Protein backbone atom coordinates (compact mmCIF):
# COMPACT_ATOMS: atom_id res chain seq x y z
CA UNK A 1 -181.36 1.03 180.75
CA UNK A 2 -179.38 -2.28 180.16
CA UNK A 3 -177.91 -0.76 177.15
CA UNK A 4 -176.68 2.15 179.06
CA UNK A 5 -175.49 0.08 181.90
CA UNK A 6 -173.54 -2.08 179.41
CA UNK A 7 -172.04 0.93 177.80
CA UNK A 8 -171.01 2.39 181.16
CA UNK A 9 -169.37 -0.90 182.01
CA UNK A 10 -167.51 -0.76 178.70
CA UNK A 11 -166.49 2.71 179.24
CA UNK A 12 -165.17 2.02 182.62
CA UNK A 13 -163.21 -0.97 181.32
CA UNK A 14 -161.79 1.16 178.49
CA UNK A 15 -160.76 3.80 181.00
CA UNK A 16 -159.13 1.21 183.22
CA UNK A 17 -157.17 -0.05 180.18
CA UNK A 18 -156.00 3.58 179.38
CA UNK A 19 -155.00 4.13 182.98
CA UNK A 20 -153.05 0.80 183.12
CA UNK A 21 -151.40 1.70 179.91
CA UNK A 22 -150.37 5.05 181.10
CA UNK A 23 -149.13 3.54 184.46
CA UNK A 24 -147.23 0.83 182.47
CA UNK A 25 -145.71 3.49 180.30
CA UNK A 26 -144.02 5.11 183.22
CA UNK A 27 -142.00 2.12 184.09
CA UNK A 28 -139.37 2.40 181.50
CA UNK A 29 -138.87 6.05 182.60
CA UNK A 30 -138.28 4.78 186.19
CA UNK A 31 -135.85 2.14 184.97
CA UNK A 32 -134.27 4.39 182.43
CA UNK A 33 -132.45 6.40 185.10
CA UNK A 34 -129.80 3.78 185.95
CA UNK A 35 -129.17 3.43 182.09
CA UNK A 36 -127.82 6.92 182.16
CA UNK A 37 -125.06 5.88 184.71
CA UNK A 38 -122.65 4.51 182.21
CA UNK A 39 -122.81 7.91 180.38
CA UNK A 40 -122.22 9.67 183.73
CA UNK A 41 -119.35 7.34 184.55
CA UNK A 42 -117.80 7.71 181.06
CA UNK A 43 -118.19 11.63 181.41
CA UNK A 44 -116.44 11.49 184.77
CA UNK A 45 -113.58 9.23 183.58
CA UNK A 46 -113.09 11.66 180.65
CA UNK A 47 -113.10 14.58 183.06
CA UNK A 48 -110.52 12.73 185.25
CA UNK A 49 -108.36 12.09 182.36
CA UNK A 50 -108.61 15.63 181.18
CA UNK A 51 -107.51 16.70 184.71
CA UNK A 52 -104.56 14.21 184.66
CA UNK A 53 -103.58 15.52 181.16
CA UNK A 54 -103.70 19.08 182.44
CA UNK A 55 -101.45 18.14 185.40
CA UNK A 56 -99.01 16.34 183.17
CA UNK A 57 -98.98 19.28 180.67
CA UNK A 58 -98.52 21.70 183.55
CA UNK A 59 -95.62 19.62 184.91
CA UNK A 60 -93.98 19.44 181.53
CA UNK A 61 -94.41 23.13 180.77
CA UNK A 62 -93.18 24.20 184.28
CA UNK A 63 -96.60 25.58 185.34
CA UNK A 64 -97.19 23.04 188.00
CA UNK A 65 -98.46 24.69 191.24
CA UNK A 66 -96.81 23.54 194.48
CA UNK A 67 -99.04 24.04 197.45
CA UNK A 68 -97.49 21.83 200.17
CA UNK A 69 -94.19 21.80 202.05
CA UNK A 70 -91.47 19.54 200.60
CA UNK A 71 -89.13 17.56 202.84
CA UNK A 72 -85.73 16.37 201.66
CA UNK A 73 -84.28 13.51 203.68
CA UNK A 74 -80.54 13.66 204.06
CA UNK A 75 -79.59 10.09 205.13
CA UNK A 76 -76.40 11.25 207.08
CA UNK A 77 -75.71 13.40 210.01
CA UNK A 78 -75.62 17.14 209.75
CA UNK A 79 -72.24 18.82 209.06
CA UNK A 80 -70.78 16.96 206.01
CA UNK A 81 -70.72 17.72 202.39
CA UNK A 82 -73.98 15.73 201.72
CA UNK A 83 -75.83 17.76 204.32
CA UNK A 84 -74.35 21.06 203.09
CA UNK A 85 -75.34 20.34 199.40
CA UNK A 86 -78.75 19.17 200.48
CA UNK A 87 -79.28 22.63 202.28
CA UNK A 88 -78.08 24.60 199.17
CA UNK A 89 -80.57 22.51 197.01
CA UNK A 90 -83.42 22.93 199.48
CA UNK A 91 -82.98 26.81 199.57
CA UNK A 92 -82.91 26.97 195.71
CA UNK A 93 -86.01 24.72 195.34
CA UNK A 94 -87.93 26.81 197.85
CA UNK A 95 -87.19 29.98 195.78
CA UNK A 96 -88.56 28.17 192.64
CA UNK A 97 -91.55 26.37 194.08
CA UNK A 98 -92.75 29.08 196.58
CA UNK A 99 -93.19 26.52 199.37
CA UNK A 100 -91.16 25.57 202.42
CA UNK A 101 -88.37 23.00 201.62
CA UNK A 102 -87.18 21.32 204.76
CA UNK A 103 -84.07 19.18 205.29
CA UNK A 104 -84.50 16.30 207.53
CA UNK A 105 -81.32 14.45 208.63
CA UNK A 106 -82.03 10.62 209.13
CA UNK A 107 -78.75 8.92 209.92
CA UNK A 108 -78.31 5.17 210.29
CA UNK A 109 -77.68 1.96 208.61
CA UNK A 110 -75.24 3.42 205.98
CA UNK A 111 -78.05 5.63 204.55
CA UNK A 112 -80.68 2.76 204.52
CA UNK A 113 -82.87 4.35 207.25
CA UNK A 114 -83.29 7.55 205.32
CA UNK A 115 -83.89 5.72 202.16
CA UNK A 116 -86.48 3.51 203.73
CA UNK A 117 -88.35 6.51 205.21
CA UNK A 118 -88.60 8.00 201.81
CA UNK A 119 -90.04 4.74 200.38
CA UNK A 120 -92.58 4.51 203.16
CA UNK A 121 -93.62 8.17 202.96
CA UNK A 122 -97.11 9.22 201.62
CA UNK A 123 -96.71 8.88 197.82
CA UNK A 124 -97.61 12.52 197.16
CA UNK A 125 -94.13 13.57 195.92
CA UNK A 126 -93.62 15.84 198.93
CA UNK A 127 -90.90 13.59 200.44
CA UNK A 128 -87.49 13.43 198.65
CA UNK A 129 -84.27 11.68 199.24
CA UNK A 130 -80.75 12.85 198.48
CA UNK A 131 -77.82 10.39 198.22
CA UNK A 132 -74.53 9.53 196.36
CA UNK A 133 -72.58 6.45 195.75
CA UNK A 134 -73.16 5.27 199.31
CA UNK A 135 -76.74 4.28 198.29
CA UNK A 136 -75.30 1.23 196.50
CA UNK A 137 -73.03 0.04 199.34
CA UNK A 138 -75.68 -1.74 201.65
CA UNK A 139 -77.11 -3.55 198.61
CA UNK A 140 -73.56 -4.65 197.65
CA UNK A 141 -73.06 -5.83 201.13
CA UNK A 142 -76.32 -7.85 201.10
CA UNK A 143 -77.56 -5.95 204.06
CA UNK A 144 -80.48 -4.26 202.23
CA UNK A 145 -82.57 -4.83 199.10
CA UNK A 146 -82.88 -1.11 198.37
CA UNK A 147 -81.39 0.03 195.15
CA UNK A 148 -81.61 3.05 193.04
CA UNK A 149 -84.57 1.26 191.13
CA UNK A 150 -86.46 1.28 194.50
CA UNK A 151 -87.27 4.95 193.69
CA UNK A 152 -88.39 7.29 191.03
CA UNK A 153 -85.40 9.30 190.03
CA UNK A 154 -85.92 13.10 189.78
CA UNK A 155 -82.44 13.86 188.69
CA UNK A 156 -78.77 14.59 189.45
CA UNK A 157 -77.95 18.34 189.89
CA UNK A 158 -74.38 18.12 191.07
CA UNK A 159 -71.21 16.18 190.36
CA UNK A 160 -68.48 16.26 193.04
CA UNK A 161 -65.06 15.76 191.33
CA UNK A 162 -63.15 17.00 194.36
CA UNK A 163 -62.17 13.87 196.34
CA UNK A 164 -58.52 13.88 196.94
CA UNK A 165 -56.03 11.68 198.72
CA UNK A 166 -54.46 13.70 201.55
CA UNK A 167 -51.61 13.37 203.95
CA UNK A 168 -50.24 15.35 206.91
CA UNK A 169 -47.37 17.78 206.06
CA UNK A 170 -45.21 15.95 208.58
CA UNK A 171 -45.44 12.71 206.71
CA UNK A 172 -42.66 13.73 204.35
CA UNK A 173 -44.76 12.70 201.27
CA UNK A 174 -45.28 15.51 198.81
CA UNK A 175 -46.46 13.46 195.90
CA UNK A 176 -48.37 10.20 195.29
CA UNK A 177 -45.16 8.53 194.15
CA UNK A 178 -43.55 9.33 197.50
CA UNK A 179 -46.44 7.58 199.30
CA UNK A 180 -46.21 4.56 196.99
CA UNK A 181 -42.46 4.26 197.30
CA UNK A 182 -42.83 4.25 201.12
CA UNK A 183 -45.59 1.60 200.99
CA UNK A 184 -43.41 -0.67 198.99
CA UNK A 185 -40.69 -0.37 201.57
CA UNK A 186 -43.03 -1.17 204.46
CA UNK A 187 -46.14 -2.95 203.04
CA UNK A 188 -49.30 -2.92 205.04
CA UNK A 189 -47.92 -0.29 207.61
CA UNK A 190 -49.35 2.92 206.20
CA UNK A 191 -52.75 3.55 207.62
CA UNK A 192 -55.59 4.70 205.44
CA UNK A 193 -58.34 6.13 207.75
CA UNK A 194 -61.96 5.92 206.72
CA UNK A 195 -65.38 4.64 207.58
CA UNK A 196 -65.97 0.94 207.42
CA UNK A 197 -68.82 -0.18 205.20
CA UNK A 198 -68.63 3.06 203.20
CA UNK A 199 -67.47 3.91 199.69
CA UNK A 200 -64.18 5.26 201.03
CA UNK A 201 -63.33 1.74 202.27
CA UNK A 202 -63.86 0.57 198.70
CA UNK A 203 -61.64 3.40 197.48
CA UNK A 204 -58.77 1.97 199.61
CA UNK A 205 -59.24 -1.51 198.03
CA UNK A 206 -59.27 0.11 194.68
CA UNK A 207 -56.00 1.99 195.29
CA UNK A 208 -54.29 -1.17 196.64
CA UNK A 209 -55.55 -3.09 193.55
CA UNK A 210 -54.62 -0.52 190.87
CA UNK A 211 -51.45 1.09 192.30
CA UNK A 212 -50.21 -1.68 194.56
CA UNK A 213 -50.53 0.97 197.33
CA UNK A 214 -50.20 -1.41 200.21
CA UNK A 215 -52.44 0.62 202.47
CA UNK A 216 -53.91 -0.84 205.74
CA UNK A 217 -57.52 0.32 206.21
CA UNK A 218 -58.30 1.70 209.65
CA UNK A 219 -61.85 2.48 210.68
CA UNK A 220 -61.72 6.12 212.20
CA UNK A 221 -65.22 7.22 211.32
CA UNK A 222 -66.87 10.01 209.28
CA UNK A 223 -65.25 12.92 207.41
CA UNK A 224 -64.88 15.08 210.58
CA UNK A 225 -63.33 12.18 212.39
CA UNK A 226 -60.91 11.47 209.44
CA UNK A 227 -59.67 15.01 209.43
CA UNK A 228 -59.16 15.05 213.26
CA UNK A 229 -57.37 11.79 212.94
CA UNK A 230 -54.94 13.06 210.17
CA UNK A 231 -54.37 16.32 211.84
CA UNK A 232 -53.34 14.55 215.03
CA UNK A 233 -51.25 12.10 213.02
CA UNK A 234 -53.41 9.21 214.27
CA UNK A 235 -53.79 8.03 210.74
CA UNK A 236 -51.50 8.44 207.65
CA UNK A 237 -53.67 9.13 204.78
CA UNK A 238 -57.35 9.85 204.01
CA UNK A 239 -59.70 10.67 201.15
CA UNK A 240 -61.78 13.73 201.59
CA UNK A 241 -63.83 16.23 199.55
CA UNK A 242 -61.55 19.23 199.01
CA UNK A 243 -63.76 21.83 200.30
CA UNK A 244 -64.25 19.95 203.61
CA UNK A 245 -60.45 20.15 204.38
CA UNK A 246 -60.01 23.61 202.58
CA UNK A 247 -58.73 25.39 205.69
CA UNK A 248 -56.01 22.73 206.25
CA UNK A 249 -54.92 22.82 202.64
CA UNK A 250 -54.73 26.60 202.74
CA UNK A 251 -52.41 26.49 205.95
CA UNK A 252 -50.41 23.66 204.45
CA UNK A 253 -51.34 21.25 207.34
CA UNK A 254 -52.62 18.82 204.70
CA UNK A 255 -51.13 18.06 201.26
CA UNK A 256 -53.46 16.77 198.38
CA UNK A 257 -51.51 14.17 196.60
CA UNK A 258 -54.01 13.15 193.74
CA UNK A 259 -57.50 13.77 192.66
CA UNK A 260 -59.51 10.64 192.81
CA UNK A 261 -61.39 11.27 189.56
CA UNK A 262 -61.37 10.52 185.84
CA UNK A 263 -60.94 14.10 184.65
CA UNK A 264 -59.12 17.15 186.10
CA UNK A 265 -60.92 19.81 188.13
CA UNK A 266 -59.90 23.35 187.25
CA UNK A 267 -62.02 24.77 189.96
CA UNK A 268 -59.67 23.48 192.75
CA UNK A 269 -57.40 26.19 194.21
CA UNK A 270 -54.37 23.96 194.13
CA UNK A 271 -53.38 22.03 191.02
CA UNK A 272 -53.98 18.37 191.89
CA UNK A 273 -53.28 15.70 189.26
CA UNK A 274 -55.39 12.84 188.38
CA UNK A 275 -53.65 9.37 188.47
CA UNK A 276 -53.32 9.12 184.75
CA UNK A 277 -51.23 12.27 184.61
CA UNK A 278 -48.83 10.42 186.83
CA UNK A 279 -48.73 7.40 184.66
CA UNK A 280 -51.19 5.36 186.81
CA UNK A 281 -54.70 3.97 186.26
CA UNK A 282 -57.29 6.49 187.30
CA UNK A 283 -59.17 5.53 190.46
CA UNK A 284 -62.42 7.41 190.12
CA UNK A 285 -64.20 8.07 193.39
CA UNK A 286 -65.84 11.31 192.36
CA UNK A 287 -69.46 11.57 193.66
CA UNK A 288 -72.88 12.43 192.26
CA UNK A 289 -75.75 13.87 194.24
CA UNK A 290 -78.89 12.08 193.32
CA UNK A 291 -82.46 13.25 194.05
CA UNK A 292 -85.36 10.79 194.04
CA UNK A 293 -88.89 10.23 195.59
CA UNK A 294 -90.95 7.26 196.42
CA UNK A 295 -91.85 4.46 193.84
CA UNK A 296 -95.67 5.25 193.92
CA UNK A 297 -95.54 9.02 193.33
CA UNK A 298 -97.57 9.95 190.20
CA UNK A 299 -95.44 10.53 187.14
CA UNK A 300 -96.74 14.06 186.71
CA UNK A 301 -95.50 15.08 190.12
CA UNK A 302 -92.09 13.50 189.41
CA UNK A 303 -91.95 15.43 186.04
CA UNK A 304 -92.76 18.69 187.97
CA UNK A 305 -90.06 18.07 190.50
CA UNK A 306 -87.55 17.21 187.53
CA UNK A 307 -88.52 20.65 186.04
CA UNK A 308 -87.77 22.37 189.36
CA UNK A 309 -84.44 20.54 189.61
CA UNK A 310 -83.48 21.80 186.14
CA UNK A 311 -84.35 25.31 187.05
CA UNK A 312 -82.27 25.08 190.20
CA UNK A 313 -79.25 24.20 188.12
CA UNK A 314 -79.84 27.34 186.00
CA UNK A 315 -80.07 29.57 189.03
CA UNK A 316 -76.98 31.82 189.17
CA UNK A 317 -76.93 31.87 192.92
CA UNK A 318 -77.06 28.18 193.30
CA UNK A 319 -74.30 27.76 190.71
CA UNK A 320 -72.14 30.39 192.56
CA UNK A 321 -72.68 28.57 195.90
CA UNK A 322 -71.95 25.14 194.52
CA UNK A 323 -68.87 26.15 192.57
CA UNK A 324 -67.54 28.04 195.64
CA UNK A 325 -66.98 24.50 197.04
CA UNK A 326 -65.39 23.43 193.69
CA UNK A 327 -68.23 21.31 192.72
CA UNK A 328 -69.72 21.12 189.16
CA UNK A 329 -73.45 21.89 188.51
CA UNK A 330 -74.56 19.51 185.87
CA UNK A 331 -78.24 18.57 185.31
CA UNK A 332 -79.34 15.13 184.38
CA UNK A 333 -83.03 14.23 184.67
CA UNK A 334 -85.02 11.03 185.09
CA UNK A 335 -83.81 7.92 183.30
CA UNK A 336 -80.62 9.74 182.07
CA UNK A 337 -79.65 10.41 185.69
CA UNK A 338 -80.57 6.81 186.81
CA UNK A 339 -78.41 5.30 183.98
CA UNK A 340 -75.58 7.59 184.94
CA UNK A 341 -75.56 6.49 188.53
CA UNK A 342 -75.98 2.83 187.68
CA UNK A 343 -73.02 3.07 185.32
CA UNK A 344 -70.75 4.65 188.04
CA UNK A 345 -71.71 1.90 190.38
CA UNK A 346 -70.90 -0.79 187.75
CA UNK A 347 -67.54 0.82 186.93
CA UNK A 348 -66.16 2.18 190.15
CA UNK A 349 -67.64 0.01 193.00
CA UNK A 350 -68.77 -3.37 191.55
CA UNK A 351 -65.31 -4.47 190.47
CA UNK A 352 -64.04 -4.41 194.12
CA UNK A 353 -67.11 -6.13 195.47
CA UNK A 354 -65.37 -9.55 196.45
CA UNK A 355 -62.52 -7.74 198.16
CA UNK A 356 -64.81 -5.42 199.88
CA UNK A 357 -66.95 -8.25 201.23
CA UNK A 358 -63.94 -10.21 202.28
CA UNK A 359 -62.73 -7.29 204.31
CA UNK A 360 -65.95 -6.95 206.38
């Protein structure tokens, strides 16, 4: 009996050992689950990168799917050439993307308010900004830190080589030389009407510097106000985009004296010389229309928008509408567009910075 009892005890001990061993062997299985997490994380990262790659590839191939409305901020009041061109661009983009493209006018601060709203918008690429040379002026004045480098440039679809120096038919000046001769006889008496703090004020400084024009700048306001002042002979000369004053040129109320560009524009209905054709240095105040979005927008969305902009410039309807206002459709994307804009700033505005600041 003792033998049997001892054997039973041994058996029980052995069974306990086996059970313990079995229980112990389950521990690695329990603790092994977290060990799989790095594999899961790695797989998720690979999947995310794959999705990002697909989005980038789709953007580059033009297969990007737009699903949300797009807003283009126009940083000036409705009614001018910037507003008009923004609406033409919005209509063409809507046709290509298949979503609503809305124009929002945000006037104020010499375009700063509109630019700031774009920078502050949700970085999803659904808020864009359009601007021209005026985007550089507040930075030049020291009133804003915003520059073209504050954004991600989508591209430039339009060049406006239509800015002319215009006078009233009653002025007696039919050529630029007539105007310059008159200014030499009575310096600082011929009034050049424009908007203070804008690129057209710098244009006046440039004409005085390069042509010894002797014009006296008078703040009359925006484009509509400039045309009203010239028509009423409340100012003597203005610069204006040809299409905005087209009716007055057609009736002969206004006379275009010179095209303020570096190359001729054969689209203009009236042959208007550039300064170099008259033996003077060209004063280039042609304009570009630049499109950008916020600085934190993903690159793949910017690439998709650049592709849309390129397609817009290939759209026959868009080209026809833009050329009807004598503007040139010319696509530049991304860095090429940004470099082009910066070069225009350095060559056409920056040389007159000191004189501009002194006039404020």
